[in-house]
Amino acid sequence: MPPGGEDAARKFYSEALGMIEVAKPSGLAARGGAWFTSGTVNLHLGVEPGFRPARKAHPALRCRNYSSLVARLRALGFEPVEPVGDGAIPGVRRCHVYDPFGNRLELIAELV
């Protein structure tokens, strides 16, 4: 993320995605950034001068309550986009959403 993006990261990763922010070790805290966790997933967002978003490469996150999450993202101004002609991954409903910095994330929910 770009320098100074911690508050925007918290709004997206904590408020919108429902992840929990965890304190960075004291030796790393001065570098800025933010760390988040949910279940067995840990995301570490580092600060990068001259930042450029990852618009193609992306993590895929399996989500509980997928429909509720998509609704919450929309309510907070983050517009999930379902891939055109989806069905490419049998048994999976998915969408892409961009964080406040333009990084792409894929959200997936296995169909039951």
PDB file of N, CA and C in Angstrom:
ATOM      1  N   MET A   1       0.839  -1.169   0.000  1.00  0.00           N
ATOM      2  CA  MET A   1       0.000   0.000   0.000  1.00  0.00           C
ATOM      3  C   MET A   1       0.888   1.237   0.000  1.00  0.00           C
ATOM      4  N   PRO A   2       0.327   2.356  -0.428  1.00  0.00           N
ATOM      5  CA  PRO A   2       1.129   3.583  -0.419  1.00  0.00           C
ATOM      6  C   PRO A   2       1.311   4.110   0.999  1.00  0.00           C
ATOM      7  N   PRO A   3       2.314   4.939   1.210  1.00  0.00           N
ATOM      8  CA  PRO A   3       2.503   5.545   2.537  1.00  0.00           C
ATOM      9  C   PRO A   3       1.241   6.281   2.989  1.00  0.00           C
ATOM     10  N   GLY A   4       0.920   6.144   4.273  1.00  0.00           N
ATOM     11  CA  GLY A   4      -0.233   6.827   4.846  1.00  0.00           C
ATOM     12  C   GLY A   4      -1.574   6.141   4.615  1.00  0.00           C
ATOM     13  N   GLY A   5      -1.571   4.921   4.098  1.00  0.00           N
ATOM     14  CA  GLY A   5      -2.813   4.234   3.767  1.00  0.00           C
ATOM     15  C   GLY A   5      -3.410   3.374   4.870  1.00  0.00           C
ATOM     16  N   GLU A   6      -2.863   3.432   6.062  1.00  0.00           N
ATOM     17  CA  GLU A   6      -3.315   2.530   7.130  1.00  0.00           C
ATOM     18  C   GLU A   6      -4.805   2.670   7.457  1.00  0.00           C
ATOM     19  N   ASP A   7      -5.321   3.894   7.540  1.00  0.00           N
ATOM     20  CA  ASP A   7      -6.741   4.066   7.876  1.00  0.00           C
ATOM     21  C   ASP A   7      -7.645   3.503   6.787  1.00  0.00           C
ATOM     22  N   ALA A   8      -7.290   3.721   5.535  1.00  0.00           N
ATOM     23  CA  ALA A   8      -8.069   3.156   4.432  1.00  0.00           C
ATOM     24  C   ALA A   8      -8.000   1.632   4.456  1.00  0.00           C
ATOM     25  N   ALA A   9      -6.845   1.085   4.797  1.00  0.00           N
ATOM     26  CA  ALA A   9      -6.702  -0.370   4.904  1.00  0.00           C
ATOM     27  C   ALA A   9      -7.608  -0.908   5.998  1.00  0.00           C
ATOM     28  N   ARG A  10      -7.662  -0.230   7.134  1.00  0.00           N
ATOM     29  CA  ARG A  10      -8.527  -0.671   8.236  1.00  0.00           C
ATOM     30  C   ARG A  10      -9.994  -0.660   7.826  1.00  0.00           C
ATOM     31  N   LYS A  11     -10.416   0.376   7.120  1.00  0.00           N
ATOM     32  CA  LYS A  11     -11.820   0.451   6.699  1.00  0.00           C
ATOM     33  C   LYS A  11     -12.162  -0.729   5.791  1.00  0.00           C
ATOM     34  N   PHE A  12     -11.274  -1.041   4.868  1.00  0.00           N
ATOM     35  CA  PHE A  12     -11.561  -2.121   3.931  1.00  0.00           C
ATOM     36  C   PHE A  12     -11.398  -3.496   4.574  1.00  0.00           C
ATOM     37  N   TYR A  13     -10.225  -3.770   5.121  1.00  0.00           N
ATOM     38  CA  TYR A  13      -9.937  -5.125   5.593  1.00  0.00           C
ATOM     39  C   TYR A  13     -10.662  -5.460   6.904  1.00  0.00           C
ATOM     40  N   SER A  14     -10.826  -4.497   7.790  1.00  0.00           N
ATOM     41  CA  SER A  14     -11.542  -4.766   9.050  1.00  0.00           C
ATOM     42  C   SER A  14     -13.028  -4.539   8.905  1.00  0.00           C
ATOM     43  N   GLU A  15     -13.413  -3.321   8.521  1.00  0.00           N
ATOM     44  CA  GLU A  15     -14.837  -2.975   8.487  1.00  0.00           C
ATOM     45  C   GLU A  15     -15.582  -3.696   7.364  1.00  0.00           C
ATOM     46  N   ALA A  16     -15.025  -3.692   6.163  1.00  0.00           N
ATOM     47  CA  ALA A  16     -15.730  -4.295   5.030  1.00  0.00           C
ATOM     48  C   ALA A  16     -15.576  -5.815   4.983  1.00  0.00           C
ATOM     49  N   LEU A  17     -14.339  -6.310   5.087  1.00  0.00           N
ATOM     50  CA  LEU A  17     -14.128  -7.755   4.991  1.00  0.00           C
ATOM     51  C   LEU A  17     -14.326  -8.480   6.320  1.00  0.00           C
ATOM     52  N   GLY A  18     -14.303  -7.757   7.443  1.00  0.00           N
ATOM     53  CA  GLY A  18     -14.513  -8.385   8.743  1.00  0.00           C
ATOM     54  C   GLY A  18     -13.281  -9.049   9.323  1.00  0.00           C
ATOM     55  N   MET A  19     -12.107  -8.702   8.814  1.00  0.00           N
ATOM     56  CA  MET A  19     -10.876  -9.266   9.366  1.00  0.00           C
ATOM     57  C   MET A  19     -10.514  -8.512  10.642  1.00  0.00           C
ATOM     58  N   ILE A  20      -9.652  -9.100  11.435  1.00  0.00           N
ATOM     59  CA  ILE A  20      -9.213  -8.500  12.701  1.00  0.00           C
ATOM     60  C   ILE A  20      -7.801  -7.975  12.510  1.00  0.00           C
ATOM     61  N   GLU A  21      -7.582  -6.715  12.881  1.00  0.00           N
ATOM     62  CA  GLU A  21      -6.227  -6.170  12.806  1.00  0.00           C
ATOM     63  C   GLU A  21      -5.423  -6.703  13.980  1.00  0.00           C
ATOM     64  N   VAL A  22      -4.204  -7.102  13.700  1.00  0.00           N
ATOM     65  CA  VAL A  22      -3.292  -7.569  14.746  1.00  0.00           C
ATOM     66  C   VAL A  22      -2.094  -6.631  14.793  1.00  0.00           C
ATOM     67  N   ALA A  23      -1.559  -6.439  15.984  1.00  0.00           N
ATOM     68  CA  ALA A  23      -0.413  -5.548  16.152  1.00  0.00           C
ATOM     69  C   ALA A  23       0.815  -6.140  15.473  1.00  0.00           C
ATOM     70  N   LYS A  24       1.552  -5.291  14.799  1.00  0.00           N
ATOM     71  CA  LYS A  24       2.816  -5.715  14.216  1.00  0.00           C
ATOM     72  C   LYS A  24       3.844  -5.810  15.344  1.00  0.00           C
ATOM     73  N   PRO A  25       4.831  -6.679  15.212  1.00  0.00           N
ATOM     74  CA  PRO A  25       5.902  -6.717  16.213  1.00  0.00           C
ATOM     75  C   PRO A  25       6.555  -5.334  16.320  1.00  0.00           C
ATOM     76  N   SER A  26       6.976  -4.981  17.515  1.00  0.00           N
ATOM     77  CA  SER A  26       7.516  -3.637  17.751  1.00  0.00           C
ATOM     78  C   SER A  26       8.668  -3.294  16.806  1.00  0.00           C
ATOM     79  N   GLY A  27       9.461  -4.258  16.442  1.00  0.00           N
ATOM     80  CA  GLY A  27      10.577  -3.999  15.539  1.00  0.00           C
ATOM     81  C   GLY A  27      10.153  -3.650  14.118  1.00  0.00           C
ATOM     82  N   LEU A  28       8.912  -3.976  13.764  1.00  0.00           N
ATOM     83  CA  LEU A  28       8.404  -3.691  12.416  1.00  0.00           C
ATOM     84  C   LEU A  28       7.403  -2.539  12.393  1.00  0.00           C
ATOM     85  N   ALA A  29       6.870  -2.161  13.535  1.00  0.00           N
ATOM     86  CA  ALA A  29       5.797  -1.164  13.605  1.00  0.00           C
ATOM     87  C   ALA A  29       6.200   0.175  12.995  1.00  0.00           C
ATOM     88  N   ALA A  30       7.454   0.575  13.143  1.00  0.00           N
ATOM     89  CA  ALA A  30       7.904   1.872  12.635  1.00  0.00           C
ATOM     90  C   ALA A  30       7.859   1.945  11.106  1.00  0.00           C
ATOM     91  N   ARG A  31       7.800   0.806  10.445  1.00  0.00           N
ATOM     92  CA  ARG A  31       7.767   0.777   8.974  1.00  0.00           C
ATOM     93  C   ARG A  31       6.399   1.133   8.420  1.00  0.00           C
ATOM     94  N   GLY A  32       5.377   1.180   9.292  1.00  0.00           N
ATOM     95  CA  GLY A  32       4.022   1.428   8.819  1.00  0.00           C
ATOM     96  C   GLY A  32       3.391   0.157   8.306  1.00  0.00           C
ATOM     97  N   GLY A  33       2.239   0.289   7.669  1.00  0.00           N
ATOM     98  CA  GLY A  33       1.513  -0.865   7.172  1.00  0.00           C
ATOM     99  C   GLY A  33       0.533  -1.375   8.202  1.00  0.00           C
ATOM    100  N   ALA A  34      -0.087  -2.485   7.899  1.00  0.00           N
ATOM    101  CA  ALA A  34      -1.076  -3.068   8.802  1.00  0.00           C
ATOM    102  C   ALA A  34      -1.175  -4.565   8.539  1.00  0.00           C
ATOM    103  N   TRP A  35      -1.430  -5.312   9.608  1.00  0.00           N
ATOM    104  CA  TRP A  35      -1.593  -6.757   9.517  1.00  0.00           C
ATOM    105  C   TRP A  35      -3.003  -7.126   9.932  1.00  0.00           C
ATOM    106  N   PHE A  36      -3.581  -8.105   9.212  1.00  0.00           N
ATOM    107  CA  PHE A  36      -4.950  -8.548   9.476  1.00  0.00           C
ATOM    108  C   PHE A  36      -4.993 -10.068   9.489  1.00  0.00           C
ATOM    109  N   THR A  37      -5.974 -10.601  10.218  1.00  0.00           N
ATOM    110  CA  THR A  37      -6.146 -12.055  10.295  1.00  0.00           C
ATOM    111  C   THR A  37      -7.625 -12.402  10.268  1.00  0.00           C
ATOM    112  N   SER A  38      -7.921 -13.600   9.794  1.00  0.00           N
ATOM    113  CA  SER A  38      -9.270 -14.168   9.828  1.00  0.00           C
ATOM    114  C   SER A  38      -9.104 -15.674   9.677  1.00  0.00           C
ATOM    115  N   GLY A  39      -9.513 -16.414  10.702  1.00  0.00           N
ATOM    116  CA  GLY A  39      -9.324 -17.865  10.658  1.00  0.00           C
ATOM    117  C   GLY A  39      -7.852 -18.199  10.526  1.00  0.00           C
ATOM    118  N   THR A  40      -7.500 -18.940   9.483  1.00  0.00           N
ATOM    119  CA  THR A  40      -6.102 -19.320   9.271  1.00  0.00           C
ATOM    120  C   THR A  40      -5.384 -18.396   8.292  1.00  0.00           C
ATOM    121  N   VAL A  41      -6.066 -17.341   7.853  1.00  0.00           N
ATOM    122  CA  VAL A  41      -5.485 -16.416   6.877  1.00  0.00           C
ATOM    123  C   VAL A  41      -4.860 -15.221   7.579  1.00  0.00           C
ATOM    124  N   ASN A  42      -3.649 -14.878   7.167  1.00  0.00           N
ATOM    125  CA  ASN A  42      -2.964 -13.676   7.651  1.00  0.00           C
ATOM    126  C   ASN A  42      -2.562 -12.848   6.438  1.00  0.00           C
ATOM    127  N   LEU A  43      -2.920 -11.561   6.448  1.00  0.00           N
ATOM    128  CA  LEU A  43      -2.530 -10.642   5.385  1.00  0.00           C
ATOM    129  C   LEU A  43      -1.658  -9.554   5.980  1.00  0.00           C
ATOM    130  N   HIS A  44      -0.505  -9.346   5.388  1.00  0.00           N
ATOM    131  CA  HIS A  44       0.410  -8.302   5.835  1.00  0.00           C
ATOM    132  C   HIS A  44       0.507  -7.275   4.718  1.00  0.00           C
ATOM    133  N   LEU A  45       0.072  -6.066   4.989  1.00  0.00           N
ATOM    134  CA  LEU A  45       0.155  -4.982   4.020  1.00  0.00           C
ATOM    135  C   LEU A  45       1.324  -4.085   4.388  1.00  0.00           C
ATOM    136  N   GLY A  46       2.309  -4.064   3.540  1.00  0.00           N
ATOM    137  CA  GLY A  46       3.470  -3.229   3.762  1.00  0.00           C
ATOM    138  C   GLY A  46       3.355  -1.926   3.001  1.00  0.00           C
ATOM    139  N   VAL A  47       4.091  -0.929   3.469  1.00  0.00           N
ATOM    140  CA  VAL A  47       4.130   0.373   2.823  1.00  0.00           C
ATOM    141  C   VAL A  47       5.236   0.357   1.776  1.00  0.00           C
ATOM    142  N   GLU A  48       4.912   0.875   0.598  1.00  0.00           N
ATOM    143  CA  GLU A  48       5.878   0.891  -0.492  1.00  0.00           C
ATOM    144  C   GLU A  48       5.867   2.253  -1.177  1.00  0.00           C
ATOM    145  N   PRO A  49       6.943   3.024  -1.034  1.00  0.00           N
ATOM    146  CA  PRO A  49       7.035   4.278  -1.787  1.00  0.00           C
ATOM    147  C   PRO A  49       6.961   3.972  -3.287  1.00  0.00           C
ATOM    148  N   GLY A  50       6.291   4.799  -4.053  1.00  0.00           N
ATOM    149  CA  GLY A  50       6.130   4.531  -5.479  1.00  0.00           C
ATOM    150  C   GLY A  50       5.214   3.352  -5.734  1.00  0.00           C
ATOM    151  N   PHE A  51       4.313   3.078  -4.815  1.00  0.00           N
ATOM    152  CA  PHE A  51       3.406   1.930  -4.863  1.00  0.00           C
ATOM    153  C   PHE A  51       2.669   1.841  -6.196  1.00  0.00           C
ATOM    154  N   ARG A  52       2.528   0.614  -6.695  1.00  0.00           N
ATOM    155  CA  ARG A  52       1.682   0.300  -7.852  1.00  0.00           C
ATOM    156  C   ARG A  52       0.813  -0.890  -7.462  1.00  0.00           C
ATOM    157  N   PRO A  53      -0.500  -0.813  -7.655  1.00  0.00           N
ATOM    158  CA  PRO A  53      -1.380  -1.900  -7.235  1.00  0.00           C
ATOM    159  C   PRO A  53      -1.200  -3.171  -8.056  1.00  0.00           C
ATOM    160  N   ALA A  54      -1.524  -4.293  -7.419  1.00  0.00           N
ATOM    161  CA  ALA A  54      -1.549  -5.596  -8.094  1.00  0.00           C
ATOM    162  C   ALA A  54      -2.943  -5.756  -8.693  1.00  0.00           C
ATOM    163  N   ARG A  55      -3.074  -5.499  -9.988  1.00  0.00           N
ATOM    164  CA  ARG A  55      -4.386  -5.510 -10.627  1.00  0.00           C
ATOM    165  C   ARG A  55      -4.705  -6.856 -11.279  1.00  0.00           C
ATOM    166  N   LYS A  56      -3.708  -7.690 -11.492  1.00  0.00           N
ATOM    167  CA  LYS A  56      -3.929  -9.004 -12.101  1.00  0.00           C
ATOM    168  C   LYS A  56      -3.661 -10.109 -11.074  1.00  0.00           C
ATOM    169  N   ALA A  57      -2.440 -10.176 -10.567  1.00  0.00           N
ATOM    170  CA  ALA A  57      -2.112 -11.170  -9.538  1.00  0.00           C
ATOM    171  C   ALA A  57      -2.932 -10.845  -8.296  1.00  0.00           C
ATOM    172  N   HIS A  58      -3.442 -11.871  -7.627  1.00  0.00           N
ATOM    173  CA  HIS A  58      -4.319 -11.600  -6.485  1.00  0.00           C
ATOM    174  C   HIS A  58      -4.455 -12.821  -5.586  1.00  0.00           C
ATOM    175  N   PRO A  59      -4.745 -12.578  -4.299  1.00  0.00           N
ATOM    176  CA  PRO A  59      -5.100 -13.697  -3.424  1.00  0.00           C
ATOM    177  C   PRO A  59      -6.577 -14.023  -3.615  1.00  0.00           C
ATOM    178  N   ALA A  60      -6.933 -15.260  -3.387  1.00  0.00           N
ATOM    179  CA  ALA A  60      -8.334 -15.685  -3.376  1.00  0.00           C
ATOM    180  C   ALA A  60      -8.668 -16.062  -1.938  1.00  0.00           C
ATOM    181  N   LEU A  61      -9.735 -15.492  -1.418  1.00  0.00           N
ATOM    182  CA  LEU A  61     -10.140 -15.722  -0.034  1.00  0.00           C
ATOM    183  C   LEU A  61     -11.484 -16.435  -0.010  1.00  0.00           C
ATOM    184  N   ARG A  62     -11.527 -17.590   0.638  1.00  0.00           N
ATOM    185  CA  ARG A  62     -12.792 -18.308   0.802  1.00  0.00           C
ATOM    186  C   ARG A  62     -13.566 -17.621   1.916  1.00  0.00           C
ATOM    187  N   CYS A  63     -14.840 -17.337   1.662  1.00  0.00           N
ATOM    188  CA  CYS A  63     -15.630 -16.523   2.585  1.00  0.00           C
ATOM    189  C   CYS A  63     -16.853 -17.258   3.102  1.00  0.00           C
ATOM    190  N   ARG A  64     -17.081 -17.119   4.402  1.00  0.00           N
ATOM    191  CA  ARG A  64     -18.343 -17.554   4.990  1.00  0.00           C
ATOM    192  C   ARG A  64     -19.361 -16.453   4.722  1.00  0.00           C
ATOM    193  N   ASN A  65     -20.607 -16.789   4.632  1.00  0.00           N
ATOM    194  CA  ASN A  65     -21.668 -15.796   4.430  1.00  0.00           C
ATOM    195  C   ASN A  65     -21.350 -14.882   3.248  1.00  0.00           C
ATOM    196  N   TYR A  66     -21.027 -15.492   2.141  1.00  0.00           N
ATOM    197  CA  TYR A  66     -20.609 -14.788   0.933  1.00  0.00           C
ATOM    198  C   TYR A  66     -21.600 -13.685   0.536  1.00  0.00           C
ATOM    199  N   SER A  67     -22.884 -14.016   0.476  1.00  0.00           N
ATOM    200  CA  SER A  67     -23.891 -13.027   0.046  1.00  0.00           C
ATOM    201  C   SER A  67     -23.934 -11.832   0.982  1.00  0.00           C
ATOM    202  N   SER A  68     -23.833 -12.074   2.281  1.00  0.00           N
ATOM    203  CA  SER A  68     -23.824 -10.978   3.254  1.00  0.00           C
ATOM    204  C   SER A  68     -22.576 -10.123   3.090  1.00  0.00           C
ATOM    205  N   LEU A  69     -21.458 -10.759   2.843  1.00  0.00           N
ATOM    206  CA  LEU A  69     -20.209 -10.023   2.654  1.00  0.00           C
ATOM    207  C   LEU A  69     -20.294  -9.131   1.419  1.00  0.00           C
ATOM    208  N   VAL A  70     -20.800  -9.665   0.329  1.00  0.00           N
ATOM    209  CA  VAL A  70     -20.933  -8.873  -0.901  1.00  0.00           C
ATOM    210  C   VAL A  70     -21.862  -7.683  -0.655  1.00  0.00           C
ATOM    211  N   ALA A  71     -22.955  -7.893   0.064  1.00  0.00           N
ATOM    212  CA  ALA A  71     -23.875  -6.796   0.375  1.00  0.00           C
ATOM    213  C   ALA A  71     -23.187  -5.735   1.239  1.00  0.00           C
ATOM    214  N   ARG A  72     -22.404  -6.162   2.225  1.00  0.00           N
ATOM    215  CA  ARG A  72     -21.703  -5.207   3.092  1.00  0.00           C
ATOM    216  C   ARG A  72     -20.676  -4.404   2.296  1.00  0.00           C
ATOM    217  N   LEU A  73     -19.941  -5.066   1.407  1.00  0.00           N
ATOM    218  CA  LEU A  73     -18.977  -4.364   0.565  1.00  0.00           C
ATOM    219  C   LEU A  73     -19.672  -3.277  -0.256  1.00  0.00           C
ATOM    220  N   ARG A  74     -20.800  -3.633  -0.874  1.00  0.00           N
ATOM    221  CA  ARG A  74     -21.546  -2.646  -1.678  1.00  0.00           C
ATOM    222  C   ARG A  74     -22.022  -1.480  -0.815  1.00  0.00           C
ATOM    223  N   ALA A  75     -22.525  -1.769   0.375  1.00  0.00           N
ATOM    224  CA  ALA A  75     -23.023  -0.720   1.268  1.00  0.00           C
ATOM    225  C   ALA A  75     -21.919   0.242   1.671  1.00  0.00           C
ATOM    226  N   LEU A  76     -20.678  -0.243   1.723  1.00  0.00           N
ATOM    227  CA  LEU A  76     -19.555   0.598   2.114  1.00  0.00           C
ATOM    228  C   LEU A  76     -18.837   1.229   0.912  1.00  0.00           C
ATOM    229  N   GLY A  77     -19.391   1.027  -0.288  1.00  0.00           N
ATOM    230  CA  GLY A  77     -18.837   1.674  -1.472  1.00  0.00           C
ATOM    231  C   GLY A  77     -17.785   0.891  -2.229  1.00  0.00           C
ATOM    232  N   PHE A  78     -17.621  -0.398  -1.907  1.00  0.00           N
ATOM    233  CA  PHE A  78     -16.683  -1.258  -2.630  1.00  0.00           C
ATOM    234  C   PHE A  78     -17.513  -2.171  -3.514  1.00  0.00           C
ATOM    235  N   GLU A  79     -17.387  -2.053  -4.818  1.00  0.00           N
ATOM    236  CA  GLU A  79     -18.267  -2.764  -5.742  1.00  0.00           C
ATOM    237  C   GLU A  79     -17.656  -4.073  -6.231  1.00  0.00           C
ATOM    238  N   PRO A  80     -18.135  -5.205  -5.711  1.00  0.00           N
ATOM    239  CA  PRO A  80     -17.667  -6.499  -6.210  1.00  0.00           C
ATOM    240  C   PRO A  80     -18.113  -6.705  -7.665  1.00  0.00           C
ATOM    241  N   VAL A  81     -17.267  -7.352  -8.451  1.00  0.00           N
ATOM    242  CA  VAL A  81     -17.561  -7.612  -9.853  1.00  0.00           C
ATOM    243  C   VAL A  81     -17.496  -9.112 -10.074  1.00  0.00           C
ATOM    244  N   GLU A  82     -18.622  -9.690 -10.523  1.00  0.00           N
ATOM    245  CA  GLU A  82     -18.612 -11.112 -10.845  1.00  0.00           C
ATOM    246  C   GLU A  82     -18.050 -11.270 -12.246  1.00  0.00           C
ATOM    247  N   PRO A  83     -17.092 -12.205 -12.425  1.00  0.00           N
ATOM    248  CA  PRO A  83     -16.491 -12.385 -13.748  1.00  0.00           C
ATOM    249  C   PRO A  83     -17.535 -12.717 -14.804  1.00  0.00           C
ATOM    250  N   VAL A  84     -17.383 -12.143 -15.991  1.00  0.00           N
ATOM    251  CA  VAL A  84     -18.296 -12.398 -17.104  1.00  0.00           C
ATOM    252  C   VAL A  84     -18.200 -13.862 -17.494  1.00  0.00           C
ATOM    253  N   GLY A  85     -19.348 -14.483 -17.721  1.00  0.00           N
ATOM    254  CA  GLY A  85     -19.354 -15.882 -18.120  1.00  0.00           C
ATOM    255  C   GLY A  85     -18.865 -16.799 -17.029  1.00  0.00           C
ATOM    256  N   ASP A  86     -19.125 -16.416 -15.777  1.00  0.00           N
ATOM    257  CA  ASP A  86     -18.598 -17.216 -14.673  1.00  0.00           C
ATOM    258  C   ASP A  86     -19.137 -18.634 -14.750  1.00  0.00           C
ATOM    259  N   GLY A  87     -18.596 -19.493 -13.965  1.00  0.00           N
ATOM    260  CA  GLY A  87     -18.847 -20.919 -14.032  1.00  0.00           C
ATOM    261  C   GLY A  87     -17.556 -21.611 -14.421  1.00  0.00           C
ATOM    262  N   ALA A  88     -16.497 -20.825 -14.538  1.00  0.00           N
ATOM    263  CA  ALA A  88     -15.195 -21.370 -14.915  1.00  0.00           C
ATOM    264  C   ALA A  88     -14.641 -22.317 -13.860  1.00  0.00           C
ATOM    265  N   ILE A  89     -15.047 -22.109 -12.611  1.00  0.00           N
ATOM    266  CA  ILE A  89     -14.631 -23.003 -11.530  1.00  0.00           C
ATOM    267  C   ILE A  89     -15.904 -23.696 -11.034  1.00  0.00           C
ATOM    268  N   PRO A  90     -16.122 -24.946 -11.428  1.00  0.00           N
ATOM    269  CA  PRO A  90     -17.356 -25.637 -11.053  1.00  0.00           C
ATOM    270  C   PRO A  90     -17.562 -25.668  -9.534  1.00  0.00           C
ATOM    271  N   GLY A  91     -18.802 -25.409  -9.107  1.00  0.00           N
ATOM    272  CA  GLY A  91     -19.154 -25.484  -7.703  1.00  0.00           C
ATOM    273  C   GLY A  91     -18.731 -24.284  -6.878  1.00  0.00           C
ATOM    274  N   VAL A  92     -18.281 -23.203  -7.533  1.00  0.00           N
ATOM    275  CA  VAL A  92     -17.793 -22.034  -6.801  1.00  0.00           C
ATOM    276  C   VAL A  92     -18.477 -20.770  -7.312  1.00  0.00           C
ATOM    277  N   ARG A  93     -18.974 -19.988  -6.389  1.00  0.00           N
ATOM    278  CA  ARG A  93     -19.456 -18.645  -6.699  1.00  0.00           C
ATOM    279  C   ARG A  93     -18.341 -17.692  -6.303  1.00  0.00           C
ATOM    280  N   ARG A  94     -18.049 -16.703  -7.141  1.00  0.00           N
ATOM    281  CA  ARG A  94     -16.914 -15.839  -6.857  1.00  0.00           C
ATOM    282  C   ARG A  94     -17.123 -14.446  -7.421  1.00  0.00           C
ATOM    283  N   CYS A  95     -16.311 -13.526  -6.916  1.00  0.00           N
ATOM    284  CA  CYS A  95     -16.280 -12.171  -7.439  1.00  0.00           C
ATOM    285  C   CYS A  95     -14.894 -11.599  -7.183  1.00  0.00           C
ATOM    286  N   HIS A  96     -14.634 -10.478  -7.840  1.00  0.00           N
ATOM    287  CA  HIS A  96     -13.412  -9.727  -7.588  1.00  0.00           C
ATOM    288  C   HIS A  96     -13.813  -8.410  -6.945  1.00  0.00           C
ATOM    289  N   VAL A  97     -12.962  -7.914  -6.079  1.00  0.00           N
ATOM    290  CA  VAL A  97     -13.165  -6.608  -5.470  1.00  0.00           C
ATOM    291  C   VAL A  97     -11.783  -5.971  -5.341  1.00  0.00           C
ATOM    292  N   TYR A  98     -11.756  -4.661  -5.455  1.00  0.00           N
ATOM    293  CA  TYR A  98     -10.488  -3.936  -5.360  1.00  0.00           C
ATOM    294  C   TYR A  98     -10.427  -3.214  -4.024  1.00  0.00           C
ATOM    295  N   ASP A  99      -9.280  -3.340  -3.348  1.00  0.00           N
ATOM    296  CA  ASP A  99      -9.106  -2.625  -2.083  1.00  0.00           C
ATOM    297  C   ASP A  99      -8.923  -1.132  -2.384  1.00  0.00           C
ATOM    298  N   PRO A 100      -8.841  -0.283  -1.377  1.00  0.00           N
ATOM    299  CA  PRO A 100      -8.762   1.157  -1.626  1.00  0.00           C
ATOM    300  C   PRO A 100      -7.521   1.593  -2.417  1.00  0.00           C
ATOM    301  N   PHE A 101      -6.565   0.698  -2.565  1.00  0.00           N
ATOM    302  CA  PHE A 101      -5.322   1.025  -3.254  1.00  0.00           C
ATOM    303  C   PHE A 101      -5.289   0.476  -4.675  1.00  0.00           C
ATOM    304  N   GLY A 102      -6.355  -0.242  -5.075  1.00  0.00           N
ATOM    305  CA  GLY A 102      -6.432  -0.804  -6.415  1.00  0.00           C
ATOM    306  C   GLY A 102      -5.956  -2.229  -6.538  1.00  0.00           C
ATOM    307  N   ASN A 103      -5.616  -2.878  -5.427  1.00  0.00           N
ATOM    308  CA  ASN A 103      -5.212  -4.289  -5.456  1.00  0.00           C
ATOM    309  C   ASN A 103      -6.450  -5.160  -5.629  1.00  0.00           C
ATOM    310  N   ARG A 104      -6.363  -6.141  -6.501  1.00  0.00           N
ATOM    311  CA  ARG A 104      -7.489  -7.042  -6.735  1.00  0.00           C
ATOM    312  C   ARG A 104      -7.460  -8.204  -5.761  1.00  0.00           C
ATOM    313  N   LEU A 105      -8.628  -8.521  -5.225  1.00  0.00           N
ATOM    314  CA  LEU A 105      -8.815  -9.713  -4.397  1.00  0.00           C
ATOM    315  C   LEU A 105      -9.963 -10.509  -4.998  1.00  0.00           C
ATOM    316  N   GLU A 106      -9.877 -11.815  -4.912  1.00  0.00           N
ATOM    317  CA  GLU A 106     -10.969 -12.690  -5.340  1.00  0.00           C
ATOM    318  C   GLU A 106     -11.622 -13.247  -4.083  1.00  0.00           C
ATOM    319  N   LEU A 107     -12.931 -13.161  -4.025  1.00  0.00           N
ATOM    320  CA  LEU A 107     -13.696 -13.728  -2.920  1.00  0.00           C
ATOM    321  C   LEU A 107     -14.452 -14.917  -3.456  1.00  0.00           C
ATOM    322  N   ILE A 108     -14.346 -16.057  -2.790  1.00  0.00           N
ATOM    323  CA  ILE A 108     -15.000 -17.264  -3.278  1.00  0.00           C
ATOM    324  C   ILE A 108     -15.847 -17.901  -2.190  1.00  0.00           C
ATOM    325  N   ALA A 109     -16.916 -18.528  -2.620  1.00  0.00           N
ATOM    326  CA  ALA A 109     -17.791 -19.277  -1.725  1.00  0.00           C
ATOM    327  C   ALA A 109     -18.132 -20.583  -2.408  1.00  0.00           C
ATOM    328  N   GLU A 110     -17.821 -21.675  -1.762  1.00  0.00           N
ATOM    329  CA  GLU A 110     -18.175 -22.968  -2.330  1.00  0.00           C
ATOM    330  C   GLU A 110     -19.675 -23.130  -2.240  1.00  0.00           C
ATOM    331  N   LEU A 111     -20.281 -23.586  -3.304  1.00  0.00           N
ATOM    332  CA  LEU A 111     -21.716 -23.822  -3.307  1.00  0.00           C
ATOM    333  C   LEU A 111     -22.005 -25.121  -2.577  1.00  0.00           C
ATOM    334  N   VAL A 112     -23.054 -25.100  -1.817  1.00  0.00           N
ATOM    335  CA  VAL A 112     -23.414 -26.301  -1.042  1.00  0.00           C
ATOM    336  C   VAL A 112     -24.517 -27.038  -1.740  1.00  0.00           C
TER     337      VAL A 112
END
